[in-house]
């Protein structure tokens, strides 16, 4: 009986070790997702910081793959600050007064963790997750910084940075349509 229990424990430890090595190797060899945002004013893309914010990036990637952002509108655009989108209410022009506000301004599934990292500062072209007071409650609202914004450091989770189309977010205005978002293969 003791011998069988020892063998089972050793087998379980061995399987865990193999899975851990496989996971670590896969993480080192796989490229983090790149997300492309298409608008009528041009396209931009951002690399994600999957290694530093894996749960947040996985959440946004799942929303992108589901088509969640397609057809939404920019609901915040402040020159020298940020451009922001990710509110499904923004598809309805009659709800413009509440775009970006309240529980209905998200996918309804908060991330639940705060993957804050001092490694990524809020420099121009950073992509982060907006929230209503608690970073754990961030969900679908994404912003792109239009300037260096050190006041946002350690207050909002940074999930990526622009790698193409860097001028496009600065051209966007409230009401502009996000025609499509997708994960680049």
Protein backbone atom coordinates (compact mmCIF):
# COMPACT_ATOMS: atom_id res chain seq x y z
CA UNK A 1 0.00 0.00 0.00
CA UNK A 2 2.78 2.43 0.95
CA UNK A 3 4.80 1.37 -2.07
CA UNK A 4 1.83 2.05 -4.43
CA UNK A 5 1.24 5.46 -2.83
CA UNK A 6 4.93 6.35 -3.23
CA UNK A 7 4.90 5.26 -6.88
CA UNK A 8 1.74 7.32 -7.54
CA UNK A 9 3.27 10.38 -5.88
CA UNK A 10 6.50 9.98 -7.86
CA UNK A 11 4.56 9.60 -11.12
CA UNK A 12 2.49 12.71 -10.35
CA UNK A 13 5.66 14.71 -9.60
CA UNK A 14 7.26 13.50 -12.82
CA UNK A 15 4.22 14.47 -14.90
CA UNK A 16 4.14 17.90 -13.24
CA UNK A 17 7.84 18.41 -13.97
CA UNK A 18 7.41 17.45 -17.64
CA UNK A 19 4.37 19.74 -18.00
CA UNK A 20 6.23 22.59 -16.33
CA UNK A 21 9.22 22.25 -18.66
CA UNK A 22 6.89 22.03 -21.68
CA UNK A 23 4.94 25.11 -20.56
CA UNK A 24 8.12 27.10 -19.95
CA UNK A 25 9.58 26.06 -23.30
CA UNK A 26 6.33 26.90 -25.11
CA UNK A 27 6.22 30.30 -23.44
CA UNK A 28 9.77 31.04 -24.60
CA UNK A 29 9.21 29.97 -28.20
CA UNK A 30 5.73 31.30 -28.91
CA UNK A 31 5.34 34.90 -29.94
CA UNK A 32 2.90 37.04 -27.95
CA UNK A 33 -0.30 37.90 -29.82
CA UNK A 34 -0.37 40.98 -32.05
CA UNK A 35 -3.74 42.69 -32.31
CA UNK A 36 -4.76 44.69 -35.37
CA UNK A 37 -7.35 47.47 -35.10
CA UNK A 38 -9.02 48.59 -38.33
CA UNK A 39 -10.78 51.97 -38.54
CA UNK A 40 -11.96 54.22 -41.38
CA UNK A 41 -9.04 56.53 -40.53
CA UNK A 42 -6.42 53.80 -40.88
CA UNK A 43 -5.19 50.72 -39.10
CA UNK A 44 -2.86 50.25 -36.17
CA UNK A 45 -1.51 47.20 -34.40
CA UNK A 46 -0.04 46.47 -31.03
CA UNK A 47 2.08 43.74 -29.60
CA UNK A 48 0.83 42.36 -26.31
CA UNK A 49 2.83 41.89 -23.13
CA UNK A 50 1.61 38.34 -22.60
CA UNK A 51 4.50 37.40 -20.31
CA UNK A 52 3.77 40.28 -17.92
CA UNK A 53 -0.06 40.32 -18.03
CA UNK A 54 -1.08 36.82 -19.19
CA UNK A 55 -4.63 36.83 -17.81
CA UNK A 56 -5.39 40.36 -19.06
CA UNK A 57 -3.97 39.64 -22.51
CA UNK A 58 -5.86 36.32 -22.76
CA UNK A 59 -9.09 38.13 -21.81
CA UNK A 60 -8.65 40.80 -24.50
CA UNK A 61 -7.55 38.25 -27.12
CA UNK A 62 -10.70 36.18 -26.41
CA UNK A 63 -12.87 39.29 -26.81
CA UNK A 64 -11.11 40.19 -30.07
CA UNK A 65 -11.53 36.65 -31.44
CA UNK A 66 -15.24 36.70 -30.54
CA UNK A 67 -15.79 39.90 -32.58
CA UNK A 68 -16.68 41.86 -29.44
CA UNK A 69 -15.00 45.10 -30.63
CA UNK A 70 -16.18 45.00 -34.26
CA UNK A 71 -18.52 47.92 -34.99
CA UNK A 72 -17.95 49.70 -31.69
CA UNK A 73 -17.08 53.38 -31.62
CA UNK A 74 -14.39 55.40 -29.92
CA UNK A 75 -16.05 56.78 -26.80
CA UNK A 76 -13.17 58.91 -25.50
CA UNK A 77 -10.59 60.91 -27.40
CA UNK A 78 -8.55 63.55 -25.63
CA UNK A 79 -5.66 65.12 -27.54
CA UNK A 80 -2.39 64.66 -25.67
CA UNK A 81 -3.97 62.05 -23.38
CA UNK A 82 -5.74 58.90 -24.65
CA UNK A 83 -8.12 57.44 -27.19
CA UNK A 84 -10.41 54.78 -25.70
CA UNK A 85 -12.88 52.17 -26.90
CA UNK A 86 -14.41 48.89 -25.75
CA UNK A 87 -17.96 49.86 -24.72
CA UNK A 88 -20.58 47.77 -26.56
CA UNK A 89 -23.14 50.55 -25.92
CA UNK A 90 -21.18 52.69 -28.39
CA UNK A 91 -22.80 50.82 -31.29
CA UNK A 92 -26.04 52.62 -30.39
CA UNK A 93 -25.85 56.34 -31.22
CA UNK A 94 -28.90 57.02 -29.02
CA UNK A 95 -26.80 55.99 -25.96
CA UNK A 96 -23.93 58.40 -26.68
CA UNK A 97 -24.47 60.21 -23.37
CA UNK A 98 -23.57 57.02 -21.46
CA UNK A 99 -20.78 55.65 -23.65
CA UNK A 100 -17.92 54.50 -21.47
CA UNK A 101 -19.94 54.63 -18.24
CA UNK A 102 -21.52 52.08 -15.94
CA UNK A 103 -21.71 48.31 -15.82
CA UNK A 104 -23.16 48.06 -19.35
CA UNK A 105 -20.00 49.72 -20.72
CA UNK A 106 -18.08 46.44 -20.75
CA UNK A 107 -18.30 42.78 -21.69
CA UNK A 108 -19.69 42.06 -18.23
CA UNK A 109 -16.80 39.79 -17.29
CA UNK A 110 -14.12 41.68 -15.31
CA UNK A 111 -10.62 40.24 -15.46
CA UNK A 112 -10.52 39.78 -11.68
CA UNK A 113 -6.79 40.37 -11.17
CA UNK A 114 -4.52 43.36 -11.35
CA UNK A 115 -1.41 42.50 -13.34
CA UNK A 116 0.30 45.79 -12.64
CA UNK A 117 3.98 45.89 -13.57
CA UNK A 118 6.54 48.61 -13.02
CA UNK A 119 8.33 47.19 -16.06
CA UNK A 120 5.99 48.96 -18.51
CA UNK A 121 5.58 52.72 -18.18
CA UNK A 122 2.84 54.81 -19.74
CA UNK A 123 4.85 56.15 -22.64
CA UNK A 124 3.27 57.39 -25.86
CA UNK A 125 1.78 54.47 -27.78
CA UNK A 126 1.16 52.21 -24.80
CA UNK A 127 -2.05 50.15 -24.70
CA UNK A 128 -3.75 49.73 -21.33
CA UNK A 129 -6.97 48.69 -19.66
CA UNK A 130 -9.36 51.28 -18.28
CA UNK A 131 -11.30 50.61 -15.10
CA UNK A 132 -13.73 52.34 -12.76
CA UNK A 133 -11.53 52.66 -9.68
CA UNK A 134 -10.16 49.15 -9.18
CA UNK A 135 -7.72 47.59 -11.67
CA UNK A 136 -9.13 44.11 -10.89
CA UNK A 137 -12.42 45.28 -12.40
CA UNK A 138 -10.90 46.18 -15.76
CA UNK A 139 -12.72 44.41 -18.57
CA UNK A 140 -13.07 45.37 -22.22
CA UNK A 141 -12.21 49.06 -22.35
CA UNK A 142 -8.83 49.64 -24.00
CA UNK A 143 -6.95 52.91 -24.28
CA UNK A 144 -3.94 54.02 -26.29
CA UNK A 145 -1.78 56.78 -24.82
CA UNK A 146 -1.19 59.79 -27.06
CA UNK A 147 1.68 61.16 -24.94
CA UNK A 148 3.94 60.05 -22.10
CA UNK A 149 1.64 59.83 -19.07
CA UNK A 150 3.67 58.94 -15.95
CA UNK A 151 0.68 59.76 -13.70
CA UNK A 152 -0.98 56.57 -14.97
CA UNK A 153 1.94 54.33 -13.99
CA UNK A 154 1.05 51.73 -11.35
CA UNK A 155 -2.63 52.69 -11.60
CA UNK A 156 -3.61 50.92 -14.83
CA UNK A 157 -2.51 47.64 -16.35
CA UNK A 158 -0.41 48.00 -19.49
CA UNK A 159 -1.08 45.15 -21.94
CA UNK A 160 0.93 46.22 -24.97
CA UNK A 161 2.43 48.88 -27.20
CA UNK A 162 1.88 50.10 -30.74
CA UNK A 163 4.08 48.55 -33.41
CA UNK A 164 2.45 50.01 -36.53
CA UNK A 165 0.12 52.83 -37.45
CA UNK A 166 1.35 54.94 -34.54
CA UNK A 167 -0.30 58.12 -35.87
CA UNK A 168 -3.77 56.61 -36.30
CA UNK A 169 -4.95 56.69 -32.65
CA UNK A 170 -4.23 60.43 -32.51
CA UNK A 171 -6.47 60.96 -35.55
CA UNK A 172 -9.45 59.17 -33.99
CA UNK A 173 -12.33 61.13 -32.51
CA UNK A 174 -15.36 60.24 -30.43
CA UNK A 175 -17.82 58.38 -32.64
CA UNK A 176 -15.24 56.96 -35.07
CA UNK A 177 -15.94 53.28 -35.77
CA UNK A 178 -13.65 50.37 -34.95
CA UNK A 179 -14.58 48.40 -38.06
CA UNK A 180 -12.74 45.26 -37.05
CA UNK A 181 -10.16 43.91 -34.64
CA UNK A 182 -8.34 40.66 -35.09
CA UNK A 183 -5.36 38.70 -33.82
CA UNK A 184 -2.64 38.61 -36.46
CA UNK A 185 -1.48 35.12 -37.35
